[in-house]
Amino acid sequence: MTNSQRLATVRKALNRWLELNAENTAPATPGGESIVIRGGYYCGRRFSAPSHHAVWFVEEDELKVYTSDKRLACVLSSDDIDRWASSSSAQDDSVESVESVESNRQTGEPQRRAA
């Protein structure tokens, strides 16, 4: 998968996450997107939406979503990004809420994966 294809997958996953978890928010749009450079090297993208912002770290393939008051709301791993991007709508039962994913991580229970 090329970087541009992965970036499209990350955008889709973020928009699905916002659709399910952010109240009264518009999707993250290309106008609200910027390149993240650290130490002179490309390291990812930053996305902006009215109620949240997110940073995708390309090397780790990890998406961190923050609330408007800069609190960490969610961390999506590579597998989580793929799962969220492949969900078809907000009513799709294969996508768990962030609360249940975080709960599973804390209790050590395995996470459900979409088939």
Protein backbone atom coordinates (compact mmCIF):
# COMPACT_ATOMS: atom_id res chain seq x y z
CA MET A 1 0.00 0.00 0.00
CA THR A 2 1.38 3.40 -0.93
CA ASN A 3 1.57 6.29 1.53
CA SER A 4 -1.25 8.10 -0.29
CA GLN A 5 -3.48 5.00 -0.09
CA ARG A 6 -2.75 4.62 3.63
CA LEU A 7 -3.46 8.31 4.17
CA ALA A 8 -6.87 7.88 2.49
CA THR A 9 -7.57 4.95 4.83
CA VAL A 10 -6.57 7.04 7.86
CA ARG A 11 -8.87 9.88 6.75
CA LYS A 12 -11.76 7.46 6.34
CA ALA A 13 -11.15 5.87 9.74
CA LEU A 14 -11.01 9.26 11.45
CA ASN A 15 -14.23 10.40 9.79
CA ARG A 16 -16.00 7.18 10.86
CA TRP A 17 -14.71 7.62 14.43
CA LEU A 18 -15.93 11.23 14.49
CA GLU A 19 -19.30 10.15 13.08
CA LEU A 20 -19.81 7.77 16.01
CA ASN A 21 -18.06 9.55 18.87
CA ALA A 22 -18.19 13.29 18.31
CA GLU A 23 -21.42 15.16 18.86
CA ASN A 24 -22.47 17.76 16.30
CA THR A 25 -19.25 17.66 14.33
CA ALA A 26 -18.45 17.85 10.67
CA PRO A 27 -15.96 15.39 9.19
CA ALA A 28 -12.28 16.23 9.16
CA THR A 29 -11.73 17.82 5.78
CA PRO A 30 -8.67 18.29 3.58
CA GLY A 31 -8.84 22.02 4.40
CA GLY A 32 -8.24 21.05 8.02
CA GLU A 33 -5.18 18.95 7.29
CA SER A 34 -1.50 19.72 7.59
CA ILE A 35 1.81 17.90 7.29
CA VAL A 36 3.69 17.16 10.52
CA ILE A 37 7.47 17.59 10.35
CA ARG A 38 9.73 16.86 13.30
CA GLY A 39 13.47 17.44 13.19
CA GLY A 40 13.23 18.22 9.48
CA TYR A 41 11.61 14.87 8.62
CA TYR A 42 8.07 14.04 7.59
CA CYS A 43 6.39 12.15 10.44
CA GLY A 44 2.67 12.32 9.67
CA ARG A 45 -0.46 14.43 9.31
CA ARG A 46 -2.62 16.56 11.57
CA PHE A 47 -6.37 16.68 10.95
CA SER A 48 -8.81 19.25 12.32
CA ALA A 49 -12.53 18.98 12.92
CA PRO A 50 -14.77 21.37 14.88
CA SER A 51 -14.75 19.32 18.09
CA HIS A 52 -11.55 17.27 17.77
CA HIS A 53 -8.14 17.15 16.17
CA ALA A 54 -6.03 14.12 15.38
CA VAL A 55 -2.44 13.31 14.52
CA TRP A 56 -1.43 10.32 12.41
CA PHE A 57 2.14 9.21 13.02
CA VAL A 58 3.22 7.46 9.83
CA GLU A 59 6.15 5.46 11.25
CA GLU A 60 4.10 4.02 14.11
CA ASP A 61 0.94 3.93 11.95
CA GLU A 62 -0.98 5.28 14.91
CA LEU A 63 -3.77 7.86 15.01
CA LYS A 64 -4.20 9.90 18.19
CA VAL A 65 -7.48 11.78 18.54
CA TYR A 66 -7.76 14.75 20.92
CA THR A 67 -10.74 16.73 22.17
CA SER A 68 -10.98 20.48 21.67
CA ASP A 69 -9.56 20.99 25.18
CA LYS A 70 -6.46 18.96 24.16
CA ARG A 71 -7.27 15.81 26.13
CA LEU A 72 -6.43 12.48 24.50
CA ALA A 73 -9.72 10.89 23.48
CA CYS A 74 -8.52 7.81 21.64
CA VAL A 75 -5.49 6.06 20.17
CA LEU A 76 -6.10 3.94 17.09
CA SER A 77 -3.43 1.37 16.23
CA SER A 78 -2.82 0.17 12.69
CA ASP A 79 -5.41 -2.61 13.05
CA ASP A 80 -7.92 -0.20 14.60
CA ILE A 81 -7.46 2.21 11.68
CA ASP A 82 -8.21 -0.59 9.20
CA ARG A 83 -11.24 -1.71 11.19
CA TRP A 84 -12.72 1.78 11.48
CA ALA A 85 -12.04 2.54 7.81
CA SER A 86 -13.79 -0.64 6.68
CA SER A 87 -16.96 0.08 8.67
CA SER A 88 -19.75 1.08 6.35
CA SER A 89 -21.81 3.43 8.51
CA ALA A 90 -22.52 4.71 12.00
CA GLN A 91 -25.01 1.87 12.50
CA ASP A 92 -22.43 -0.84 11.65
CA ASP A 93 -22.31 -3.28 14.58
CA SER A 94 -18.74 -4.35 13.76
CA VAL A 95 -17.36 -1.08 15.10
CA GLU A 96 -17.17 -0.77 18.87
CA SER A 97 -17.42 2.45 20.74
CA VAL A 98 -14.18 3.82 22.09
CA GLU A 99 -15.43 3.20 25.60
CA SER A 100 -15.72 -0.54 25.03
CA VAL A 101 -12.33 -0.73 23.30
CA GLU A 102 -10.69 1.11 26.20
CA SER A 103 -12.58 -1.07 28.67
CA ASN A 104 -11.32 -4.22 26.95
CA ARG A 105 -7.75 -2.94 27.05
CA GLN A 106 -7.99 -2.20 30.76
CA THR A 107 -9.51 -5.57 31.67
CA GLY A 108 -7.24 -7.54 29.38
CA GLU A 109 -10.14 -8.99 27.40
CA PRO A 110 -9.44 -9.53 23.70
CA GLN A 111 -10.87 -6.94 21.36
CA ARG A 112 -13.59 -7.86 18.87
CA ARG A 113 -12.53 -7.66 15.25
CA ALA A 114 -14.78 -7.15 12.27
CA ALA A 115 -15.12 -10.26 10.11
